[in-house]
N, C-alpha and C. Protein backbone atom coordinates (compact mmCIF):
# COMPACT_ATOMS: atom_id res chain seq x y z
N MET A 1 168.54 -38.62 30.78
CA MET A 1 167.39 -38.20 31.57
C MET A 1 166.76 -39.44 32.20
N LEU A 2 166.43 -39.30 33.46
CA LEU A 2 165.85 -40.41 34.21
C LEU A 2 164.58 -39.91 34.89
N LYS A 3 163.48 -40.65 34.71
CA LYS A 3 162.22 -40.29 35.37
C LYS A 3 161.99 -41.22 36.56
N ILE A 4 161.81 -40.61 37.73
CA ILE A 4 161.48 -41.35 38.94
C ILE A 4 160.33 -40.61 39.61
N GLU A 5 159.22 -41.32 39.80
CA GLU A 5 158.01 -40.73 40.36
C GLU A 5 157.66 -39.48 39.56
N ASN A 6 157.59 -38.33 40.22
CA ASN A 6 157.24 -37.09 39.52
C ASN A 6 158.47 -36.20 39.31
N LYS A 7 159.66 -36.83 39.22
CA LYS A 7 160.90 -36.09 39.00
C LYS A 7 161.55 -36.51 37.70
N ILE A 8 162.14 -35.54 37.02
CA ILE A 8 163.00 -35.81 35.88
C ILE A 8 164.40 -35.45 36.33
N ILE A 9 165.28 -36.44 36.38
CA ILE A 9 166.64 -36.23 36.84
C ILE A 9 167.55 -36.11 35.61
N LEU A 10 168.18 -34.97 35.48
CA LEU A 10 169.03 -34.70 34.32
C LEU A 10 170.48 -35.02 34.63
N SER A 11 171.19 -35.47 33.62
CA SER A 11 172.62 -35.74 33.71
C SER A 11 173.40 -34.55 33.16
N TRP A 12 174.71 -34.58 33.35
CA TRP A 12 175.54 -33.52 32.76
C TRP A 12 175.48 -33.58 31.24
N GLU A 13 175.33 -34.76 30.67
CA GLU A 13 175.19 -34.87 29.22
C GLU A 13 173.89 -34.19 28.77
N ASP A 14 172.80 -34.36 29.53
CA ASP A 14 171.54 -33.67 29.22
C ASP A 14 171.75 -32.16 29.23
N ILE A 15 172.49 -31.66 30.22
CA ILE A 15 172.74 -30.22 30.33
C ILE A 15 173.53 -29.74 29.12
N THR A 16 174.55 -30.48 28.74
CA THR A 16 175.35 -30.11 27.56
C THR A 16 174.46 -30.03 26.32
N ASN A 17 173.57 -31.00 26.15
CA ASN A 17 172.66 -30.99 25.00
C ASN A 17 171.71 -29.80 25.05
N LEU A 18 171.19 -29.49 26.23
CA LEU A 18 170.29 -28.33 26.37
C LEU A 18 171.02 -27.03 26.10
N VAL A 19 172.23 -26.90 26.60
CA VAL A 19 173.02 -25.68 26.36
C VAL A 19 173.33 -25.55 24.87
N ASN A 20 173.67 -26.64 24.21
CA ASN A 20 173.92 -26.60 22.76
C ASN A 20 172.68 -26.15 22.01
N GLU A 21 171.52 -26.66 22.40
CA GLU A 21 170.26 -26.25 21.76
C GLU A 21 170.00 -24.76 22.01
N LEU A 22 170.22 -24.33 23.24
CA LEU A 22 170.03 -22.91 23.57
C LEU A 22 170.96 -22.04 22.74
N CYS A 23 172.20 -22.48 22.57
CA CYS A 23 173.18 -21.69 21.81
C CYS A 23 172.82 -21.61 20.33
N LYS A 24 172.10 -22.59 19.81
CA LYS A 24 171.61 -22.52 18.43
C LYS A 24 170.51 -21.46 18.30
N ARG A 25 169.70 -21.32 19.34
CA ARG A 25 168.55 -20.42 19.29
C ARG A 25 168.90 -18.96 19.64
N ILE A 26 169.89 -18.77 20.47
CA ILE A 26 170.22 -17.42 20.95
C ILE A 26 170.47 -16.44 19.81
N PRO A 27 171.30 -16.76 18.82
CA PRO A 27 171.54 -15.79 17.74
C PRO A 27 170.27 -15.43 16.95
N LEU A 28 169.31 -16.33 16.92
CA LEU A 28 168.05 -16.08 16.21
C LEU A 28 167.06 -15.30 17.07
N ASP A 29 166.96 -15.66 18.36
CA ASP A 29 165.95 -15.08 19.24
C ASP A 29 166.40 -13.80 19.94
N VAL A 30 167.67 -13.68 20.21
CA VAL A 30 168.21 -12.49 20.91
C VAL A 30 169.55 -12.09 20.28
N PRO A 31 169.52 -11.62 19.03
CA PRO A 31 170.77 -11.36 18.29
C PRO A 31 171.59 -10.17 18.80
N LEU A 32 171.03 -9.31 19.61
CA LEU A 32 171.74 -8.10 20.03
C LEU A 32 172.60 -8.28 21.29
N ILE A 33 172.61 -9.47 21.87
CA ILE A 33 173.34 -9.62 23.13
C ILE A 33 174.85 -9.51 22.92
N ASP A 34 175.51 -8.97 23.94
CA ASP A 34 176.97 -8.83 23.89
C ASP A 34 177.66 -9.41 25.12
N SER A 35 176.87 -9.95 26.06
CA SER A 35 177.43 -10.52 27.27
C SER A 35 176.39 -11.45 27.91
N VAL A 36 176.85 -12.21 28.90
CA VAL A 36 176.01 -13.21 29.56
C VAL A 36 176.12 -13.04 31.07
N TYR A 37 174.98 -13.20 31.76
CA TYR A 37 174.92 -13.14 33.22
C TYR A 37 174.09 -14.33 33.69
N GLY A 38 174.54 -15.04 34.71
CA GLY A 38 173.80 -16.17 35.24
C GLY A 38 173.20 -15.86 36.60
N LEU A 39 171.91 -16.12 36.75
CA LEU A 39 171.28 -15.94 38.05
C LEU A 39 171.87 -16.92 39.04
N SER A 40 172.07 -16.45 40.26
CA SER A 40 172.73 -17.30 41.25
C SER A 40 171.97 -18.61 41.42
N ARG A 41 172.70 -19.61 41.72
CA ARG A 41 172.27 -20.99 41.85
C ARG A 41 171.98 -21.60 40.49
N GLY A 42 170.75 -21.60 40.03
CA GLY A 42 170.39 -22.34 38.83
C GLY A 42 170.94 -21.84 37.52
N GLY A 43 171.14 -20.55 37.39
CA GLY A 43 171.56 -20.01 36.10
C GLY A 43 173.05 -19.87 35.91
N LEU A 44 173.81 -19.99 36.97
CA LEU A 44 175.25 -19.74 36.89
C LEU A 44 175.97 -20.72 35.97
N ILE A 45 175.75 -21.99 36.16
CA ILE A 45 176.45 -23.00 35.35
C ILE A 45 176.04 -22.93 33.88
N PRO A 46 174.74 -22.88 33.55
CA PRO A 46 174.39 -22.75 32.13
C PRO A 46 174.93 -21.46 31.51
N ALA A 47 174.97 -20.37 32.27
CA ALA A 47 175.47 -19.11 31.73
C ALA A 47 176.96 -19.20 31.39
N VAL A 48 177.72 -19.83 32.25
CA VAL A 48 179.16 -20.01 31.97
C VAL A 48 179.34 -20.88 30.73
N MET A 49 178.54 -21.93 30.62
CA MET A 49 178.63 -22.81 29.45
C MET A 49 178.27 -22.06 28.17
N VAL A 50 177.21 -21.25 28.21
CA VAL A 50 176.82 -20.45 27.05
C VAL A 50 177.90 -19.44 26.72
N SER A 51 178.46 -18.81 27.74
CA SER A 51 179.54 -17.83 27.54
C SER A 51 180.70 -18.45 26.77
N HIS A 52 181.10 -19.64 27.16
CA HIS A 52 182.20 -20.33 26.47
C HIS A 52 181.80 -20.72 25.05
N GLU A 53 180.62 -21.30 24.91
CA GLU A 53 180.19 -21.80 23.60
C GLU A 53 180.03 -20.68 22.57
N LEU A 54 179.49 -19.54 22.99
CA LEU A 54 179.26 -18.42 22.06
C LEU A 54 180.37 -17.37 22.09
N ASP A 55 181.39 -17.63 22.90
CA ASP A 55 182.52 -16.71 23.02
C ASP A 55 182.06 -15.30 23.40
N LEU A 56 181.19 -15.25 24.39
CA LEU A 56 180.69 -13.99 24.93
C LEU A 56 181.24 -13.82 26.34
N PRO A 57 181.52 -12.58 26.75
CA PRO A 57 182.02 -12.40 28.12
C PRO A 57 180.93 -12.68 29.15
N TYR A 58 181.36 -13.32 30.25
CA TYR A 58 180.49 -13.48 31.40
C TYR A 58 180.69 -12.24 32.26
N VAL A 59 179.59 -11.57 32.62
CA VAL A 59 179.69 -10.33 33.39
C VAL A 59 179.01 -10.46 34.74
N ASN A 60 179.41 -9.59 35.66
CA ASN A 60 178.82 -9.56 37.00
C ASN A 60 177.77 -8.47 37.15
N VAL A 61 177.63 -7.63 36.12
CA VAL A 61 176.64 -6.56 36.12
C VAL A 61 175.84 -6.66 34.83
N ILE A 62 174.53 -6.62 34.95
CA ILE A 62 173.65 -6.73 33.79
C ILE A 62 173.62 -5.40 33.04
N GLY A 63 174.03 -5.45 31.77
CA GLY A 63 174.03 -4.26 30.91
C GLY A 63 172.84 -4.26 29.97
N LYS A 64 172.81 -3.28 29.09
CA LYS A 64 171.69 -3.10 28.16
C LYS A 64 171.49 -4.31 27.24
N HIS A 65 172.59 -4.95 26.85
CA HIS A 65 172.51 -6.08 25.92
C HIS A 65 173.03 -7.38 26.54
N THR A 66 172.87 -7.51 27.85
CA THR A 66 173.28 -8.73 28.54
C THR A 66 172.15 -9.75 28.52
N LEU A 67 172.49 -10.98 28.23
CA LEU A 67 171.53 -12.08 28.28
C LEU A 67 171.55 -12.66 29.70
N VAL A 68 170.41 -12.60 30.39
CA VAL A 68 170.27 -13.15 31.73
C VAL A 68 169.79 -14.59 31.60
N ILE A 69 170.53 -15.52 32.20
CA ILE A 69 170.23 -16.94 32.05
C ILE A 69 169.87 -17.57 33.38
N ASP A 70 168.84 -18.43 33.36
CA ASP A 70 168.46 -19.24 34.51
C ASP A 70 168.25 -20.66 34.01
N ASP A 71 168.14 -21.60 34.94
CA ASP A 71 167.94 -22.98 34.53
C ASP A 71 166.52 -23.24 34.06
N ILE A 72 165.54 -22.68 34.77
CA ILE A 72 164.14 -22.98 34.44
C ILE A 72 163.27 -21.76 34.70
N CYS A 73 162.25 -21.61 33.90
CA CYS A 73 161.21 -20.62 34.13
C CYS A 73 159.96 -21.43 34.47
N ASP A 74 159.80 -21.68 35.77
CA ASP A 74 158.71 -22.53 36.26
C ASP A 74 157.53 -21.65 36.65
N SER A 75 157.66 -20.89 37.72
CA SER A 75 156.59 -19.94 38.08
C SER A 75 156.79 -18.63 37.33
N GLY A 76 158.04 -18.32 36.97
CA GLY A 76 158.36 -17.09 36.26
C GLY A 76 158.69 -15.92 37.16
N THR A 77 158.49 -16.08 38.45
CA THR A 77 158.69 -14.99 39.39
C THR A 77 160.12 -14.47 39.40
N THR A 78 161.08 -15.37 39.41
CA THR A 78 162.49 -14.95 39.46
C THR A 78 162.83 -14.08 38.26
N LEU A 79 162.52 -14.55 37.07
CA LEU A 79 162.87 -13.79 35.86
C LEU A 79 162.03 -12.52 35.72
N GLN A 80 160.81 -12.56 36.17
CA GLN A 80 159.95 -11.38 36.10
C GLN A 80 160.53 -10.24 36.94
N ASN A 81 161.21 -10.58 38.02
CA ASN A 81 161.77 -9.58 38.93
C ASN A 81 163.25 -9.31 38.69
N THR A 82 163.80 -9.80 37.61
CA THR A 82 165.21 -9.63 37.30
C THR A 82 165.40 -8.47 36.34
N PRO A 83 166.41 -7.62 36.59
CA PRO A 83 166.68 -6.54 35.63
C PRO A 83 167.23 -7.12 34.33
N GLY A 84 167.11 -6.39 33.28
CA GLY A 84 167.62 -6.82 31.98
C GLY A 84 166.50 -6.99 30.98
N LEU A 85 166.86 -6.84 29.71
CA LEU A 85 165.88 -6.93 28.64
C LEU A 85 165.78 -8.33 28.04
N TYR A 86 166.86 -9.10 28.14
CA TYR A 86 166.94 -10.37 27.44
C TYR A 86 167.12 -11.52 28.42
N THR A 87 166.30 -12.58 28.25
CA THR A 87 166.35 -13.72 29.16
C THR A 87 166.34 -15.03 28.37
N ALA A 88 167.01 -16.03 28.95
CA ALA A 88 167.04 -17.36 28.34
C ALA A 88 167.08 -18.40 29.46
N VAL A 89 166.47 -19.56 29.19
CA VAL A 89 166.43 -20.65 30.17
C VAL A 89 166.62 -21.98 29.45
N LEU A 90 166.98 -22.98 30.23
CA LEU A 90 167.06 -24.32 29.67
C LEU A 90 165.65 -24.88 29.48
N HIS A 91 164.78 -24.68 30.49
CA HIS A 91 163.40 -25.19 30.43
C HIS A 91 162.41 -24.07 30.69
N HIS A 92 161.42 -23.98 29.85
CA HIS A 92 160.32 -23.03 30.05
C HIS A 92 159.04 -23.84 30.24
N LYS A 93 158.32 -23.55 31.34
CA LYS A 93 157.06 -24.24 31.63
C LYS A 93 155.92 -23.22 31.48
N PRO A 94 155.40 -23.05 30.26
CA PRO A 94 154.41 -22.01 30.00
C PRO A 94 153.09 -22.18 30.75
N GLU A 95 152.77 -23.39 31.14
CA GLU A 95 151.49 -23.63 31.82
C GLU A 95 151.50 -23.15 33.27
N THR A 96 152.69 -22.96 33.84
CA THR A 96 152.78 -22.54 35.24
C THR A 96 153.44 -21.17 35.40
N SER A 97 153.96 -20.61 34.32
CA SER A 97 154.77 -19.40 34.41
C SER A 97 153.97 -18.13 34.09
N CYS A 98 154.28 -17.09 34.87
CA CYS A 98 153.68 -15.77 34.62
C CYS A 98 154.59 -14.93 33.72
N PHE A 99 155.71 -15.50 33.27
CA PHE A 99 156.71 -14.78 32.49
C PHE A 99 157.15 -15.65 31.32
N THR A 100 157.40 -15.03 30.19
CA THR A 100 157.91 -15.76 29.03
C THR A 100 159.30 -15.25 28.69
N PRO A 101 160.32 -16.10 28.83
CA PRO A 101 161.67 -15.68 28.47
C PRO A 101 161.79 -15.48 26.97
N ASN A 102 162.82 -14.75 26.55
CA ASN A 102 163.05 -14.52 25.12
C ASN A 102 163.47 -15.80 24.39
N CYS A 103 164.12 -16.69 25.12
CA CYS A 103 164.71 -17.86 24.48
C CYS A 103 164.74 -19.02 25.46
N TRP A 104 164.51 -20.23 24.97
CA TRP A 104 164.62 -21.42 25.81
C TRP A 104 165.05 -22.61 24.96
N ALA A 105 165.66 -23.59 25.64
CA ALA A 105 166.11 -24.79 24.94
C ALA A 105 165.00 -25.81 24.82
N ASP A 106 164.15 -25.90 25.86
CA ASP A 106 163.10 -26.92 25.87
C ASP A 106 161.82 -26.34 26.47
N LEU A 107 160.73 -26.56 25.79
CA LEU A 107 159.40 -26.19 26.28
C LEU A 107 158.85 -27.41 27.01
N HIS A 108 158.67 -27.30 28.32
CA HIS A 108 158.23 -28.45 29.11
C HIS A 108 156.77 -28.27 29.51
N LEU A 109 155.92 -29.15 29.02
CA LEU A 109 154.48 -29.04 29.27
C LEU A 109 154.01 -29.93 30.41
N GLY A 110 154.88 -30.75 30.96
CA GLY A 110 154.49 -31.63 32.06
C GLY A 110 154.56 -30.92 33.40
N ASN A 111 154.14 -31.63 34.45
CA ASN A 111 154.20 -31.06 35.79
C ASN A 111 155.32 -31.68 36.62
N GLU A 112 156.21 -32.43 35.98
CA GLU A 112 157.29 -33.06 36.71
C GLU A 112 158.25 -32.01 37.27
N TRP A 113 158.90 -32.38 38.38
CA TRP A 113 159.93 -31.55 38.98
C TRP A 113 161.23 -31.89 38.25
N ILE A 114 161.88 -30.88 37.67
CA ILE A 114 163.12 -31.11 36.93
C ILE A 114 164.28 -30.91 37.89
N LEU A 115 165.09 -31.95 38.01
CA LEU A 115 166.21 -31.94 38.94
C LEU A 115 167.51 -31.87 38.14
N TYR A 116 168.24 -30.77 38.33
CA TYR A 116 169.49 -30.53 37.61
C TYR A 116 170.66 -31.18 38.36
N PRO A 117 171.76 -31.49 37.67
CA PRO A 117 172.87 -32.18 38.33
C PRO A 117 173.51 -31.40 39.46
N TRP A 118 173.35 -30.09 39.49
CA TRP A 118 173.93 -29.28 40.56
C TRP A 118 173.03 -29.17 41.78
N GLU A 119 171.88 -29.85 41.74
CA GLU A 119 170.95 -29.84 42.87
C GLU A 119 171.06 -31.15 43.65
N ARG A 120 170.59 -31.10 44.88
CA ARG A 120 170.55 -32.31 45.69
C ARG A 120 169.44 -33.22 45.19
N HIS A 121 169.67 -34.50 45.19
CA HIS A 121 168.67 -35.45 44.70
C HIS A 121 167.50 -35.61 45.66
N ASP A 122 167.66 -35.17 46.90
CA ASP A 122 166.56 -35.25 47.86
C ASP A 122 165.83 -33.91 48.01
N SER A 123 166.06 -33.01 47.02
CA SER A 123 165.42 -31.70 47.12
C SER A 123 163.90 -31.83 47.06
N LYS A 124 163.24 -30.95 47.77
CA LYS A 124 161.78 -30.94 47.80
C LYS A 124 161.24 -30.41 46.48
N GLN A 125 160.09 -30.86 46.09
CA GLN A 125 159.48 -30.44 44.83
C GLN A 125 158.71 -29.15 45.02
N ILE A 126 159.41 -28.12 45.47
CA ILE A 126 158.81 -26.80 45.64
C ILE A 126 159.93 -25.78 45.57
N GLN A 127 159.67 -24.65 44.92
CA GLN A 127 160.69 -23.62 44.82
C GLN A 127 161.03 -23.09 46.20
N ASP A 128 162.29 -22.70 46.39
CA ASP A 128 162.76 -22.21 47.69
C ASP A 128 161.90 -21.08 48.23
N TYR A 129 161.55 -20.12 47.38
CA TYR A 129 160.80 -18.97 47.87
C TYR A 129 159.39 -19.37 48.29
N LEU A 130 158.79 -20.36 47.65
CA LEU A 130 157.47 -20.81 48.05
C LEU A 130 157.54 -21.53 49.39
N ASN A 131 158.60 -22.30 49.59
CA ASN A 131 158.80 -23.00 50.85
C ASN A 131 158.94 -22.00 51.99
N LYS A 132 159.66 -20.91 51.79
CA LYS A 132 159.84 -19.87 52.82
C LYS A 132 158.51 -19.21 53.15
N GLU A 133 157.68 -18.96 52.12
CA GLU A 133 156.37 -18.33 52.35
C GLU A 133 155.48 -19.23 53.20
N LYS A 134 155.52 -20.53 52.95
CA LYS A 134 154.68 -21.47 53.69
C LYS A 134 155.13 -21.60 55.15
N ASN A 135 156.44 -21.50 55.36
CA ASN A 135 156.99 -21.68 56.70
C ASN A 135 157.14 -20.39 57.48
N GLY A 136 156.63 -19.31 56.96
CA GLY A 136 156.60 -18.12 57.76
C GLY A 136 157.43 -17.01 57.31
């Protein structure tokens, strides 16, 4: 993990550690899951990693016992509007989120922008949907 200005830049090793932590918590926090689904963009890679680690099928349709995975619950809007009963994230920011996932690897209380290895390093510190709202 590298901190630059108001950004935390994560490495692939950081992601592996977060996924391992999440996989330790999933059986305790959401024991009924039978499959994994990753939200497009941020959740896809962690979901595939969880699927492999826990030997659960990765599915394209969210079922009754599917665990929906995203990278971060920052505002909470994405997960709040996602179908499914069970949710998990790598980072949960409770101070800014309107939604609480069932399971998370790290509770982040800071206001830093978390930059994942699958994102561009010059990405703006604002969620895509907020940027669209501001620009019309």
